[in-house]
Amino acid sequence: MSDYQVTELGALDDWRAHYGGFVPDRSREGRRVVDHELPMQFIGMTANALVPGEQAGYWHTHASDEELYVFLAGEGQMGLDDDVVDVRAGSCIRVGQGVWRTWRCLPDSPTELRWLCIRADGGALPHLPDDATRDESRPSPW
C-alpha cells in the first residue's frame, strides 16, 4: 500500500462550519487542525475562517516552530510584533520563531478571511530538494 492519505477540507465557503483547535477549551468555529486528522510527521496545518469584524482575540509566539500563512479569501490584518500588515487573497506571510502574531478579518471585508497556516519544526530545507528521483519516461495518468 502506498503511503498517502486524503482528507477533504470542502469549499472555502464551508470552512466556517469547521470547529476545532489544539485543545478543547481553545477550540472555535472556523478552525480545523488538519494534522490531527492526517498522520503528519514533519509539518502541521490548520484551515481557518473568520467572519468580517472577527479577530483572534489573542497573540501567540513559537520558540521553535516556523509558520507560513497563506491567505485565500477576504481582507484582514496580521499583527506581527509592533507591525500591522494588510492581508488578502494571495498574501503569504512567513513568521519566524519568537515573533508575536495575531490576526483579524476587517469589518468591511467582502468575504470571510480564509487562510491556511502551515507550520514546521525541524532542520533547514535545502534550496533544491536533494532527495528527489525523476522518471521522465513514466507516462502521465491522464
N, C-alpha and C. Protein backbone atom coordinates (compact mmCIF):
# COMPACT_ATOMS: atom_id res chain seq x y z
N MET A 1 0.84 -1.18 0.00
CA MET A 1 0.00 0.00 0.00
C MET A 1 0.89 1.24 0.00
N SER A 2 0.53 2.23 -0.80
CA SER A 2 1.28 3.49 -0.87
C SER A 2 1.06 4.31 0.39
N ASP A 3 2.05 5.14 0.69
CA ASP A 3 1.99 5.96 1.89
C ASP A 3 1.40 7.33 1.57
N TYR A 4 0.08 7.39 1.50
CA TYR A 4 -0.61 8.67 1.37
C TYR A 4 -1.99 8.56 1.97
N GLN A 5 -2.53 9.70 2.38
CA GLN A 5 -3.87 9.78 2.94
C GLN A 5 -4.56 10.98 2.31
N VAL A 6 -5.88 10.94 2.28
CA VAL A 6 -6.68 12.01 1.68
C VAL A 6 -7.70 12.50 2.69
N THR A 7 -7.85 13.81 2.79
CA THR A 7 -8.95 14.40 3.55
C THR A 7 -9.51 15.53 2.71
N GLU A 8 -10.75 15.86 2.91
CA GLU A 8 -11.40 16.93 2.16
C GLU A 8 -11.70 18.09 3.09
N LEU A 9 -11.19 19.28 2.77
CA LEU A 9 -11.48 20.47 3.56
C LEU A 9 -12.81 21.08 3.16
N GLY A 10 -13.31 20.74 1.98
CA GLY A 10 -14.54 21.34 1.48
C GLY A 10 -14.23 22.67 0.81
N ALA A 11 -15.24 23.24 0.21
CA ALA A 11 -15.09 24.53 -0.46
C ALA A 11 -14.79 25.62 0.57
N LEU A 12 -14.14 26.69 0.13
CA LEU A 12 -13.79 27.78 1.04
C LEU A 12 -15.01 28.29 1.80
N ASP A 13 -16.16 28.35 1.14
CA ASP A 13 -17.38 28.84 1.79
C ASP A 13 -17.86 27.92 2.91
N ASP A 14 -17.35 26.70 2.97
CA ASP A 14 -17.74 25.75 4.02
C ASP A 14 -16.82 25.79 5.24
N TRP A 15 -15.71 26.51 5.17
CA TRP A 15 -14.72 26.44 6.23
C TRP A 15 -15.22 26.98 7.55
N ARG A 16 -16.13 27.92 7.54
CA ARG A 16 -16.64 28.49 8.79
C ARG A 16 -17.33 27.42 9.64
N ALA A 17 -17.87 26.40 9.01
CA ALA A 17 -18.56 25.33 9.72
C ALA A 17 -17.60 24.39 10.46
N HIS A 18 -16.30 24.49 10.16
CA HIS A 18 -15.32 23.68 10.89
C HIS A 18 -15.33 24.12 12.35
N TYR A 19 -15.07 23.21 13.24
CA TYR A 19 -14.94 23.54 14.66
C TYR A 19 -13.78 22.74 15.20
N GLY A 20 -12.78 23.43 15.72
CA GLY A 20 -11.66 22.68 16.25
C GLY A 20 -10.62 23.56 16.88
N GLY A 21 -9.56 22.92 17.31
CA GLY A 21 -8.44 23.58 17.95
C GLY A 21 -7.48 22.53 18.45
N PHE A 22 -6.41 23.01 19.07
CA PHE A 22 -5.41 22.08 19.57
C PHE A 22 -5.83 21.45 20.89
N VAL A 23 -6.59 22.17 21.69
CA VAL A 23 -7.15 21.64 22.93
C VAL A 23 -8.61 22.08 23.00
N PRO A 24 -9.46 21.31 23.65
CA PRO A 24 -10.90 21.62 23.63
C PRO A 24 -11.27 23.02 24.11
N ASP A 25 -10.64 23.52 25.18
CA ASP A 25 -11.06 24.83 25.69
C ASP A 25 -10.60 26.00 24.84
N ARG A 26 -9.79 25.73 23.80
CA ARG A 26 -9.39 26.79 22.88
C ARG A 26 -9.88 26.52 21.47
N SER A 27 -10.82 25.61 21.33
CA SER A 27 -11.41 25.33 20.02
C SER A 27 -12.39 26.44 19.66
N ARG A 28 -12.61 26.62 18.37
CA ARG A 28 -13.53 27.66 17.92
C ARG A 28 -14.08 27.31 16.55
N GLU A 29 -15.16 28.01 16.19
CA GLU A 29 -15.70 27.89 14.84
C GLU A 29 -14.68 28.43 13.86
N GLY A 30 -14.63 27.84 12.69
CA GLY A 30 -13.76 28.34 11.65
C GLY A 30 -12.33 27.86 11.74
N ARG A 31 -12.05 26.83 12.52
CA ARG A 31 -10.68 26.28 12.60
C ARG A 31 -10.74 24.77 12.48
N ARG A 32 -9.84 24.25 11.69
CA ARG A 32 -9.71 22.80 11.54
C ARG A 32 -8.23 22.46 11.58
N VAL A 33 -7.84 21.61 12.51
CA VAL A 33 -6.45 21.20 12.66
C VAL A 33 -6.26 19.94 11.80
N VAL A 34 -5.81 20.16 10.59
CA VAL A 34 -5.73 19.08 9.61
C VAL A 34 -4.73 18.01 10.04
N ASP A 35 -3.65 18.42 10.70
CA ASP A 35 -2.67 17.42 11.10
C ASP A 35 -3.16 16.54 12.25
N HIS A 36 -4.30 16.85 12.85
CA HIS A 36 -4.91 15.93 13.81
C HIS A 36 -5.70 14.84 13.09
N GLU A 37 -6.00 15.08 11.82
CA GLU A 37 -6.77 14.11 11.03
C GLU A 37 -5.89 13.24 10.15
N LEU A 38 -4.73 13.75 9.75
CA LEU A 38 -3.81 13.01 8.90
C LEU A 38 -2.55 12.70 9.69
N PRO A 39 -1.91 11.58 9.43
CA PRO A 39 -0.72 11.21 10.21
C PRO A 39 0.52 11.99 9.75
N MET A 40 0.56 13.29 10.03
CA MET A 40 1.67 14.15 9.63
C MET A 40 2.88 13.86 10.49
N GLN A 41 4.07 13.90 9.90
CA GLN A 41 5.30 13.63 10.64
C GLN A 41 6.13 14.88 10.88
N PHE A 42 6.19 15.78 9.91
CA PHE A 42 7.13 16.88 10.00
C PHE A 42 6.50 18.26 9.82
N ILE A 43 5.26 18.30 9.38
CA ILE A 43 4.58 19.58 9.17
C ILE A 43 3.18 19.51 9.77
N GLY A 44 2.64 20.67 10.09
CA GLY A 44 1.27 20.76 10.58
C GLY A 44 0.52 21.80 9.77
N MET A 45 -0.81 21.74 9.79
CA MET A 45 -1.59 22.70 9.03
C MET A 45 -2.96 22.87 9.66
N THR A 46 -3.41 24.13 9.72
CA THR A 46 -4.78 24.42 10.08
C THR A 46 -5.45 25.15 8.93
N ALA A 47 -6.75 24.95 8.79
CA ALA A 47 -7.59 25.70 7.84
C ALA A 47 -8.47 26.60 8.69
N ASN A 48 -8.55 27.90 8.33
CA ASN A 48 -9.15 28.90 9.20
C ASN A 48 -10.10 29.82 8.45
N ALA A 49 -11.12 30.31 9.15
CA ALA A 49 -12.05 31.29 8.59
C ALA A 49 -12.58 32.19 9.70
N LEU A 50 -12.46 33.50 9.51
CA LEU A 50 -13.04 34.48 10.42
C LEU A 50 -14.07 35.30 9.66
N VAL A 51 -15.17 35.63 10.30
CA VAL A 51 -16.19 36.47 9.68
C VAL A 51 -15.75 37.93 9.76
N PRO A 52 -16.28 38.80 8.88
CA PRO A 52 -15.91 40.21 8.94
C PRO A 52 -16.09 40.78 10.35
N GLY A 53 -15.05 41.47 10.80
CA GLY A 53 -15.04 42.06 12.15
C GLY A 53 -14.52 41.15 13.24
N GLU A 54 -14.36 39.87 12.97
CA GLU A 54 -13.87 38.93 13.99
C GLU A 54 -12.34 38.97 14.05
N GLN A 55 -11.82 38.78 15.25
CA GLN A 55 -10.37 38.73 15.42
C GLN A 55 -10.01 37.53 16.27
N ALA A 56 -8.73 37.19 16.25
CA ALA A 56 -8.27 36.03 17.01
C ALA A 56 -8.53 36.20 18.49
N GLY A 57 -8.31 37.39 19.01
CA GLY A 57 -8.52 37.62 20.43
C GLY A 57 -7.33 37.25 21.29
N TYR A 58 -6.23 36.87 20.69
CA TYR A 58 -5.01 36.55 21.44
C TYR A 58 -3.81 36.69 20.51
N TRP A 59 -2.66 36.86 21.11
CA TRP A 59 -1.38 36.82 20.42
C TRP A 59 -0.72 35.49 20.76
N HIS A 60 0.18 35.04 19.90
CA HIS A 60 1.00 33.89 20.26
C HIS A 60 2.35 33.96 19.57
N THR A 61 3.28 33.20 20.08
CA THR A 61 4.63 33.10 19.51
C THR A 61 5.08 31.66 19.65
N HIS A 62 6.08 31.28 18.88
CA HIS A 62 6.64 29.93 18.97
C HIS A 62 8.14 30.01 19.19
N ALA A 63 8.65 29.14 20.04
CA ALA A 63 10.09 29.09 20.29
C ALA A 63 10.82 28.36 19.18
N SER A 64 10.18 27.34 18.57
CA SER A 64 10.88 26.57 17.55
C SER A 64 10.10 26.37 16.26
N ASP A 65 8.79 26.60 16.26
CA ASP A 65 8.02 26.46 15.02
C ASP A 65 8.19 27.67 14.13
N GLU A 66 8.25 27.41 12.84
CA GLU A 66 8.15 28.44 11.81
C GLU A 66 6.78 28.25 11.17
N GLU A 67 6.09 29.36 10.86
CA GLU A 67 4.75 29.26 10.28
C GLU A 67 4.69 30.02 8.97
N LEU A 68 3.86 29.49 8.06
CA LEU A 68 3.57 30.15 6.79
C LEU A 68 2.06 30.32 6.71
N TYR A 69 1.61 31.56 6.62
CA TYR A 69 0.19 31.89 6.48
C TYR A 69 -0.08 32.15 5.00
N VAL A 70 -1.01 31.40 4.41
CA VAL A 70 -1.37 31.55 3.00
C VAL A 70 -2.83 31.97 2.96
N PHE A 71 -3.08 33.23 2.60
CA PHE A 71 -4.42 33.79 2.60
C PHE A 71 -5.10 33.51 1.27
N LEU A 72 -6.34 33.01 1.35
CA LEU A 72 -7.05 32.54 0.17
C LEU A 72 -8.27 33.38 -0.17
N ALA A 73 -8.82 34.11 0.78
CA ALA A 73 -10.02 34.91 0.53
C ALA A 73 -10.16 35.95 1.63
N GLY A 74 -10.86 37.03 1.31
CA GLY A 74 -11.17 38.06 2.28
C GLY A 74 -10.05 39.07 2.44
N GLU A 75 -10.29 40.01 3.36
CA GLU A 75 -9.31 41.05 3.66
C GLU A 75 -9.16 41.15 5.17
N GLY A 76 -7.91 41.26 5.61
CA GLY A 76 -7.66 41.32 7.04
C GLY A 76 -6.33 41.96 7.34
N GLN A 77 -5.90 41.75 8.57
CA GLN A 77 -4.62 42.27 9.02
C GLN A 77 -3.98 41.27 9.96
N MET A 78 -2.65 41.26 9.96
CA MET A 78 -1.88 40.49 10.93
C MET A 78 -1.07 41.45 11.77
N GLY A 79 -1.10 41.26 13.08
CA GLY A 79 -0.18 41.94 13.97
C GLY A 79 1.06 41.08 14.07
N LEU A 80 2.22 41.66 13.79
CA LEU A 80 3.50 40.95 13.83
C LEU A 80 4.45 41.79 14.66
N ASP A 81 4.65 41.38 15.91
CA ASP A 81 5.39 42.19 16.89
C ASP A 81 4.77 43.59 16.92
N ASP A 82 5.51 44.64 16.53
CA ASP A 82 4.99 46.01 16.59
C ASP A 82 4.40 46.48 15.26
N ASP A 83 4.33 45.60 14.26
CA ASP A 83 3.84 45.97 12.93
C ASP A 83 2.44 45.42 12.69
N VAL A 84 1.71 46.09 11.79
CA VAL A 84 0.42 45.61 11.29
C VAL A 84 0.55 45.50 9.78
N VAL A 85 0.26 44.30 9.25
CA VAL A 85 0.41 44.02 7.83
C VAL A 85 -0.97 43.70 7.27
N ASP A 86 -1.36 44.37 6.18
CA ASP A 86 -2.61 44.07 5.49
C ASP A 86 -2.47 42.76 4.73
N VAL A 87 -3.52 41.93 4.76
CA VAL A 87 -3.51 40.65 4.06
C VAL A 87 -4.80 40.51 3.26
N ARG A 88 -4.71 39.77 2.17
CA ARG A 88 -5.86 39.49 1.30
C ARG A 88 -5.54 38.22 0.52
N ALA A 89 -6.46 37.77 -0.29
CA ALA A 89 -6.22 36.58 -1.11
C ALA A 89 -4.92 36.75 -1.88
N GLY A 90 -4.04 35.79 -1.74
CA GLY A 90 -2.74 35.83 -2.40
C GLY A 90 -1.60 36.24 -1.49
N SER A 91 -1.89 36.80 -0.31
CA SER A 91 -0.82 37.16 0.62
C SER A 91 -0.24 35.91 1.26
N CYS A 92 1.07 35.86 1.36
CA CYS A 92 1.78 34.78 2.05
C CYS A 92 2.72 35.44 3.06
N ILE A 93 2.57 35.06 4.30
CA ILE A 93 3.38 35.66 5.37
C ILE A 93 4.14 34.53 6.09
N ARG A 94 5.47 34.60 6.04
CA ARG A 94 6.30 33.68 6.81
C ARG A 94 6.59 34.34 8.15
N VAL A 95 6.39 33.58 9.22
CA VAL A 95 6.63 34.11 10.57
C VAL A 95 7.62 33.19 11.27
N GLY A 96 8.74 33.78 11.66
CA GLY A 96 9.81 33.02 12.31
C GLY A 96 9.59 32.87 13.80
N GLN A 97 10.51 32.17 14.40
CA GLN A 97 10.46 31.89 15.83
C GLN A 97 10.61 33.20 16.61
N GLY A 98 9.87 33.29 17.71
CA GLY A 98 9.98 34.43 18.60
C GLY A 98 9.19 35.65 18.18
N VAL A 99 8.51 35.60 17.04
CA VAL A 99 7.70 36.74 16.58
C VAL A 99 6.28 36.58 17.13
N TRP A 100 5.77 37.62 17.80
CA TRP A 100 4.39 37.60 18.29
C TRP A 100 3.46 37.87 17.12
N ARG A 101 2.34 37.13 17.07
CA ARG A 101 1.41 37.27 15.96
C ARG A 101 -0.03 37.18 16.42
N THR A 102 -0.89 37.88 15.70
CA THR A 102 -2.34 37.82 15.85
C THR A 102 -2.94 38.25 14.52
N TRP A 103 -4.25 38.10 14.33
CA TRP A 103 -4.87 38.43 13.05
C TRP A 103 -6.32 38.78 13.25
N ARG A 104 -6.87 39.46 12.23
CA ARG A 104 -8.29 39.80 12.25
C ARG A 104 -8.80 39.91 10.84
N CYS A 105 -10.12 39.74 10.68
CA CYS A 105 -10.82 39.99 9.43
C CYS A 105 -11.36 41.41 9.51
N LEU A 106 -11.08 42.23 8.51
CA LEU A 106 -11.56 43.61 8.53
C LEU A 106 -13.09 43.65 8.57
N PRO A 107 -13.67 44.61 9.27
CA PRO A 107 -15.13 44.70 9.35
C PRO A 107 -15.81 44.84 7.99
N ASP A 108 -15.13 45.48 7.03
CA ASP A 108 -15.73 45.67 5.71
C ASP A 108 -15.20 44.68 4.67
N SER A 109 -14.61 43.57 5.12
CA SER A 109 -14.14 42.54 4.19
C SER A 109 -15.32 42.02 3.37
N PRO A 110 -15.15 41.85 2.07
CA PRO A 110 -16.26 41.36 1.24
C PRO A 110 -16.64 39.90 1.52
N THR A 111 -15.73 39.15 2.12
CA THR A 111 -15.98 37.74 2.46
C THR A 111 -15.28 37.43 3.77
N GLU A 112 -15.48 36.24 4.26
CA GLU A 112 -14.72 35.76 5.40
C GLU A 112 -13.24 35.77 5.04
N LEU A 113 -12.39 36.00 6.02
CA LEU A 113 -10.95 35.86 5.84
C LEU A 113 -10.63 34.38 5.99
N ARG A 114 -10.09 33.78 4.94
CA ARG A 114 -9.80 32.34 4.96
C ARG A 114 -8.32 32.13 4.66
N TRP A 115 -7.68 31.27 5.45
CA TRP A 115 -6.27 31.02 5.24
C TRP A 115 -5.86 29.66 5.74
N LEU A 116 -4.73 29.21 5.24
CA LEU A 116 -4.05 28.03 5.74
C LEU A 116 -2.86 28.50 6.55
N CYS A 117 -2.62 27.87 7.68
CA CYS A 117 -1.41 28.10 8.45
C CYS A 117 -0.63 26.78 8.42
N ILE A 118 0.55 26.83 7.82
CA ILE A 118 1.41 25.66 7.70
C ILE A 118 2.58 25.87 8.64
N ARG A 119 2.86 24.90 9.47
CA ARG A 119 3.94 25.06 10.45
C ARG A 119 4.87 23.85 10.41
N ALA A 120 6.12 24.12 10.70
CA ALA A 120 7.12 23.06 10.73
C ALA A 120 8.13 23.38 11.81
N ASP A 121 8.78 22.35 12.28
CA ASP A 121 9.79 22.49 13.32
C ASP A 121 10.85 21.44 13.05
N GLY A 122 11.97 21.86 12.47
CA GLY A 122 12.99 20.89 12.15
C GLY A 122 14.19 21.54 11.52
N GLY A 123 14.96 20.74 10.83
CA GLY A 123 16.17 21.23 10.20
C GLY A 123 15.88 22.06 8.97
N ALA A 124 16.92 22.72 8.50
CA ALA A 124 16.80 23.56 7.31
C ALA A 124 16.55 22.71 6.07
N LEU A 125 15.67 23.19 5.21
CA LEU A 125 15.41 22.53 3.95
C LEU A 125 16.43 23.00 2.92
N PRO A 126 16.89 22.12 2.05
CA PRO A 126 17.82 22.58 1.01
C PRO A 126 17.10 23.47 0.01
N HIS A 127 17.86 24.37 -0.66
CA HIS A 127 17.27 25.25 -1.66
C HIS A 127 16.60 24.41 -2.76
N LEU A 128 17.27 23.38 -3.22
CA LEU A 128 16.70 22.43 -4.17
C LEU A 128 16.62 21.09 -3.48
N PRO A 129 15.46 20.42 -3.56
CA PRO A 129 15.37 19.10 -2.92
C PRO A 129 16.46 18.17 -3.43
N ASP A 130 17.20 17.60 -2.52
CA ASP A 130 18.29 16.73 -2.93
C ASP A 130 17.97 15.25 -2.71
N ASP A 131 16.71 14.96 -2.44
CA ASP A 131 16.32 13.57 -2.22
C ASP A 131 15.34 13.09 -3.28
N ALA A 132 15.19 13.85 -4.37
CA ALA A 132 14.20 13.52 -5.39
C ALA A 132 14.80 12.62 -6.47
N THR A 133 13.93 11.81 -7.05
CA THR A 133 14.29 10.99 -8.20
C THR A 133 13.27 11.26 -9.29
N ARG A 134 13.74 11.55 -10.49
CA ARG A 134 12.84 11.85 -11.61
C ARG A 134 12.74 10.66 -12.54
N ASP A 135 11.56 10.51 -13.16
CA ASP A 135 11.35 9.50 -14.19
C ASP A 135 10.57 10.16 -15.30
N GLU A 136 11.27 10.71 -16.28
CA GLU A 136 10.62 11.43 -17.36
C GLU A 136 10.02 10.49 -18.39
N SER A 137 10.29 9.19 -18.29
CA SER A 137 9.72 8.24 -19.24
C SER A 137 8.39 7.66 -18.76
N ARG A 138 8.06 7.87 -17.51
CA ARG A 138 6.80 7.36 -16.97
C ARG A 138 5.64 8.15 -17.55
N PRO A 139 4.65 7.47 -18.14
CA PRO A 139 3.55 8.18 -18.78
C PRO A 139 2.64 8.89 -17.77
N SER A 140 2.05 10.01 -18.19
CA SER A 140 1.08 10.72 -17.35
C SER A 140 -0.17 9.88 -17.19
N PRO A 141 -0.87 10.01 -16.06
CA PRO A 141 -2.04 9.17 -15.82
C PRO A 141 -3.30 9.67 -16.51
N TRP A 142 -3.28 10.76 -17.19
CA TRP A 142 -4.48 11.30 -17.85
C TRP A 142 -4.29 11.46 -19.32
